[in-house]
Structure formats: structure tokens, C-alpha cells
């Protein structure tokens, strides 16, 4: 047994480790069991294949993260509330107004709930 190996064994046995070491087991990955088909021109396909090859990835590994990123951006924009500065100022001024009593609200809060535990 070489000196380097002996030192490595001593270090590994004398070090206390808390928690789980990364990469000591199999990494959990989602099973890829769905497909998507795309219609492309020959030029588009060649460009994608070339870019994937340059980056050292498969076409799938190159394309999927880009598609998912773009999909997330489209979804985020759809869910984002957008309004003009005037509408935002009006909204804030309404929020800053003092609360006013609503007819019947106190009575409603005193009633027994229609929901059962």
C-alpha cells in the first residue's frame, strides 16, 4: 500500500461527516417518457444539430432547456399583472383610503357558519 493511499485512508476514517455527501449515490432524475415532435426546415435542423454538437450535447439536451425556459417566460408574462402608471396610482390611492362600514357586514359576521366542522 502506497503512502498516498495510506494518508487518504487515515483522512477519510478520521473525518466526521454530517449529512449526506453529494454524488455518493445515484442522482435522482425525472423519467423522460414523453415526446414532442417538431416540423423544421432542413436549415433549421442543421443549425440546431450544429449548435448542439458545438456545445457537446445531444439535440435533446441542447433544445429542451431552451424550450422550457421560453415556456416559463410566456407563462410568467401571462400571469403578470400589468397596468399603466395612472391605473397603478389610482389603485394605490384606493388602498390608502380609510375603510368604510359596509351595510350588513357586521350582521353577516355574527351569523352561524353554513359550513360544518
C-alpha atoms as a PDB file:
ATOM      1  CA  UNK A   1       0.000   0.000   0.000  1.00  0.00           C
ATOM      2  CA  UNK A   2       1.472   3.330  -1.018  1.00  0.00           C
ATOM      3  CA  UNK A   3       1.950   6.290   1.273  1.00  0.00           C
ATOM      4  CA  UNK A   4      -0.637   8.372  -0.589  1.00  0.00           C
ATOM      5  CA  UNK A   5      -3.225   5.623  -0.221  1.00  0.00           C
ATOM      6  CA  UNK A   6      -2.433   5.258   3.495  1.00  0.00           C
ATOM      7  CA  UNK A   7      -2.774   9.019   4.095  1.00  0.00           C
ATOM      8  CA  UNK A   8      -6.058   9.069   2.187  1.00  0.00           C
ATOM      9  CA  UNK A   9      -7.460   6.219   4.276  1.00  0.00           C
ATOM     10  CA  UNK A  10      -6.411   7.897   7.551  1.00  0.00           C
ATOM     11  CA  UNK A  11      -8.004  11.166   6.487  1.00  0.00           C
ATOM     12  CA  UNK A  12     -11.230   9.503   5.378  1.00  0.00           C
ATOM     13  CA  UNK A  13     -11.612   7.466   8.571  1.00  0.00           C
ATOM     14  CA  UNK A  14     -10.803  10.341  10.928  1.00  0.00           C
ATOM     15  CA  UNK A  15     -13.149  12.928   9.445  1.00  0.00           C
ATOM     16  CA  UNK A  16     -16.657  13.111  10.831  1.00  0.00           C
ATOM     17  CA  UNK A  17     -19.246  13.876   8.208  1.00  0.00           C
ATOM     18  CA  UNK A  18     -22.642  15.315   8.974  1.00  0.00           C
ATOM     19  CA  UNK A  19     -25.423  14.959   6.469  1.00  0.00           C
ATOM     20  CA  UNK A  20     -25.201  13.351   3.090  1.00  0.00           C
ATOM     21  CA  UNK A  21     -22.284  13.755   0.752  1.00  0.00           C
ATOM     22  CA  UNK A  22     -23.199  14.875  -2.752  1.00  0.00           C
ATOM     23  CA  UNK A  23     -22.776  12.422  -5.588  1.00  0.00           C
ATOM     24  CA  UNK A  24     -22.352   9.389  -3.326  1.00  0.00           C
ATOM     25  CA  UNK A  25     -25.416   7.705  -4.727  1.00  0.00           C
ATOM     26  CA  UNK A  26     -27.405   7.841  -7.881  1.00  0.00           C
ATOM     27  CA  UNK A  27     -28.724  11.265  -8.672  1.00  0.00           C
ATOM     28  CA  UNK A  28     -32.490  11.448  -8.920  1.00  0.00           C
ATOM     29  CA  UNK A  29     -33.638  12.404 -12.388  1.00  0.00           C
ATOM     30  CA  UNK A  30     -37.114  12.564 -13.788  1.00  0.00           C
ATOM     31  CA  UNK A  31     -38.002   9.783 -16.157  1.00  0.00           C
ATOM     32  CA  UNK A  32     -38.287  11.128 -19.667  1.00  0.00           C
ATOM     33  CA  UNK A  33     -41.197   9.231 -21.116  1.00  0.00           C
ATOM     34  CA  UNK A  34     -42.963  11.847 -23.247  1.00  0.00           C
ATOM     35  CA  UNK A  35     -42.067  13.059 -26.706  1.00  0.00           C
ATOM     36  CA  UNK A  36     -42.704  16.177 -28.724  1.00  0.00           C
ATOM     37  CA  UNK A  37     -42.421  16.337 -32.482  1.00  0.00           C
ATOM     38  CA  UNK A  38     -41.392  19.447 -34.363  1.00  0.00           C
ATOM     39  CA  UNK A  39     -41.540  20.270 -38.062  1.00  0.00           C
ATOM     40  CA  UNK A  40     -38.391  22.107 -39.167  1.00  0.00           C
ATOM     41  CA  UNK A  41     -36.769  23.193 -42.350  1.00  0.00           C
ATOM     42  CA  UNK A  42     -33.540  21.415 -43.266  1.00  0.00           C
ATOM     43  CA  UNK A  43     -31.595  24.591 -42.474  1.00  0.00           C
ATOM     44  CA  UNK A  44     -33.183  24.896 -39.023  1.00  0.00           C
ATOM     45  CA  UNK A  45     -32.409  21.268 -38.231  1.00  0.00           C
ATOM     46  CA  UNK A  46     -28.796  21.629 -39.371  1.00  0.00           C
ATOM     47  CA  UNK A  47     -28.294  24.763 -37.285  1.00  0.00           C
ATOM     48  CA  UNK A  48     -29.727  23.116 -34.169  1.00  0.00           C
ATOM     49  CA  UNK A  49     -27.634  19.993 -34.683  1.00  0.00           C
ATOM     50  CA  UNK A  50     -24.514  22.068 -35.250  1.00  0.00           C
ATOM     51  CA  UNK A  51     -25.097  24.176 -32.131  1.00  0.00           C
ATOM     52  CA  UNK A  52     -25.736  21.036 -30.066  1.00  0.00           C
ATOM     53  CA  UNK A  53     -22.544  19.435 -31.379  1.00  0.00           C
ATOM     54  CA  UNK A  54     -20.502  22.566 -30.668  1.00  0.00           C
ATOM     55  CA  UNK A  55     -21.779  22.626 -27.091  1.00  0.00           C
ATOM     56  CA  UNK A  56     -21.073  18.901 -26.699  1.00  0.00           C
ATOM     57  CA  UNK A  57     -24.685  17.955 -26.083  1.00  0.00           C
ATOM     58  CA  UNK A  58     -27.340  15.939 -27.818  1.00  0.00           C
ATOM     59  CA  UNK A  59     -30.056  17.788 -29.707  1.00  0.00           C
ATOM     60  CA  UNK A  60     -32.462  16.906 -26.883  1.00  0.00           C
ATOM     61  CA  UNK A  61     -30.133  18.124 -24.125  1.00  0.00           C
ATOM     62  CA  UNK A  62     -29.487  21.276 -26.113  1.00  0.00           C
ATOM     63  CA  UNK A  63     -33.117  22.016 -27.030  1.00  0.00           C
ATOM     64  CA  UNK A  64     -35.225  21.063 -24.022  1.00  0.00           C
ATOM     65  CA  UNK A  65     -33.789  23.602 -21.520  1.00  0.00           C
ATOM     66  CA  UNK A  66     -34.246  26.391 -24.067  1.00  0.00           C
ATOM     67  CA  UNK A  67     -37.835  25.377 -24.797  1.00  0.00           C
ATOM     68  CA  UNK A  68     -38.692  25.071 -21.096  1.00  0.00           C
ATOM     69  CA  UNK A  69     -37.109  28.451 -20.344  1.00  0.00           C
ATOM     70  CA  UNK A  70     -39.120  30.111 -23.120  1.00  0.00           C
ATOM     71  CA  UNK A  71     -42.320  28.350 -21.988  1.00  0.00           C
ATOM     72  CA  UNK A  72     -41.790  29.561 -18.418  1.00  0.00           C
ATOM     73  CA  UNK A  73     -41.282  33.115 -19.659  1.00  0.00           C
ATOM     74  CA  UNK A  74     -44.508  33.032 -21.689  1.00  0.00           C
ATOM     75  CA  UNK A  75     -46.429  31.653 -18.679  1.00  0.00           C
ATOM     76  CA  UNK A  76     -44.885  34.255 -16.354  1.00  0.00           C
ATOM     77  CA  UNK A  77     -45.863  37.090 -18.696  1.00  0.00           C
ATOM     78  CA  UNK A  78     -49.406  35.752 -18.933  1.00  0.00           C
ATOM     79  CA  UNK A  79     -49.768  35.661 -15.148  1.00  0.00           C
ATOM     80  CA  UNK A  80     -48.097  39.006 -14.542  1.00  0.00           C
ATOM     81  CA  UNK A  81     -50.393  41.892 -13.750  1.00  0.00           C
ATOM     82  CA  UNK A  82     -49.635  44.882 -15.932  1.00  0.00           C
ATOM     83  CA  UNK A  83     -51.198  48.318 -15.705  1.00  0.00           C
ATOM     84  CA  UNK A  84     -50.443  51.878 -16.622  1.00  0.00           C
ATOM     85  CA  UNK A  85     -48.899  54.296 -14.133  1.00  0.00           C
ATOM     86  CA  UNK A  86     -52.220  56.100 -13.849  1.00  0.00           C
ATOM     87  CA  UNK A  87     -54.097  52.881 -13.063  1.00  0.00           C
ATOM     88  CA  UNK A  88     -51.420  51.914 -10.505  1.00  0.00           C
ATOM     89  CA  UNK A  89     -51.680  55.327  -8.829  1.00  0.00           C
ATOM     90  CA  UNK A  90     -55.487  55.060  -8.716  1.00  0.00           C
ATOM     91  CA  UNK A  91     -55.261  51.557  -7.251  1.00  0.00           C
ATOM     92  CA  UNK A  92     -52.846  52.753  -4.536  1.00  0.00           C
ATOM     93  CA  UNK A  93     -54.980  55.775  -3.686  1.00  0.00           C
ATOM     94  CA  UNK A  94     -57.993  53.487  -3.160  1.00  0.00           C
ATOM     95  CA  UNK A  95     -55.914  51.253  -0.886  1.00  0.00           C
ATOM     96  CA  UNK A  96     -54.829  54.300   1.106  1.00  0.00           C
ATOM     97  CA  UNK A  97     -58.430  55.395   1.720  1.00  0.00           C
ATOM     98  CA  UNK A  98     -59.812  54.690   5.206  1.00  0.00           C
ATOM     99  CA  UNK A  99     -62.110  51.700   5.494  1.00  0.00           C
ATOM    100  CA  UNK A 100     -65.823  52.422   5.495  1.00  0.00           C
ATOM    101  CA  UNK A 101     -68.561  50.352   7.056  1.00  0.00           C
ATOM    102  CA  UNK A 102     -70.487  48.085   4.709  1.00  0.00           C
ATOM    103  CA  UNK A 103     -74.173  47.609   5.361  1.00  0.00           C
ATOM    104  CA  UNK A 104     -74.902  44.140   6.735  1.00  0.00           C
ATOM    105  CA  UNK A 105     -71.264  43.099   7.144  1.00  0.00           C
ATOM    106  CA  UNK A 106     -71.358  43.125  10.956  1.00  0.00           C
ATOM    107  CA  UNK A 107     -74.594  41.085  10.866  1.00  0.00           C
ATOM    108  CA  UNK A 108     -73.078  38.603   8.426  1.00  0.00           C
ATOM    109  CA  UNK A 109     -70.077  38.054  10.671  1.00  0.00           C
ATOM    110  CA  UNK A 110     -72.354  37.351  13.643  1.00  0.00           C
ATOM    111  CA  UNK A 111     -74.333  34.607  11.862  1.00  0.00           C
ATOM    112  CA  UNK A 112     -73.606  30.941  12.377  1.00  0.00           C
ATOM    113  CA  UNK A 113     -71.499  29.494   9.618  1.00  0.00           C
ATOM    114  CA  UNK A 114     -73.183  27.360   6.982  1.00  0.00           C
ATOM    115  CA  UNK A 115     -70.088  25.148   6.908  1.00  0.00           C
ATOM    116  CA  UNK A 116     -69.911  22.265   9.338  1.00  0.00           C
ATOM    117  CA  UNK A 117     -66.721  21.105  11.031  1.00  0.00           C
END
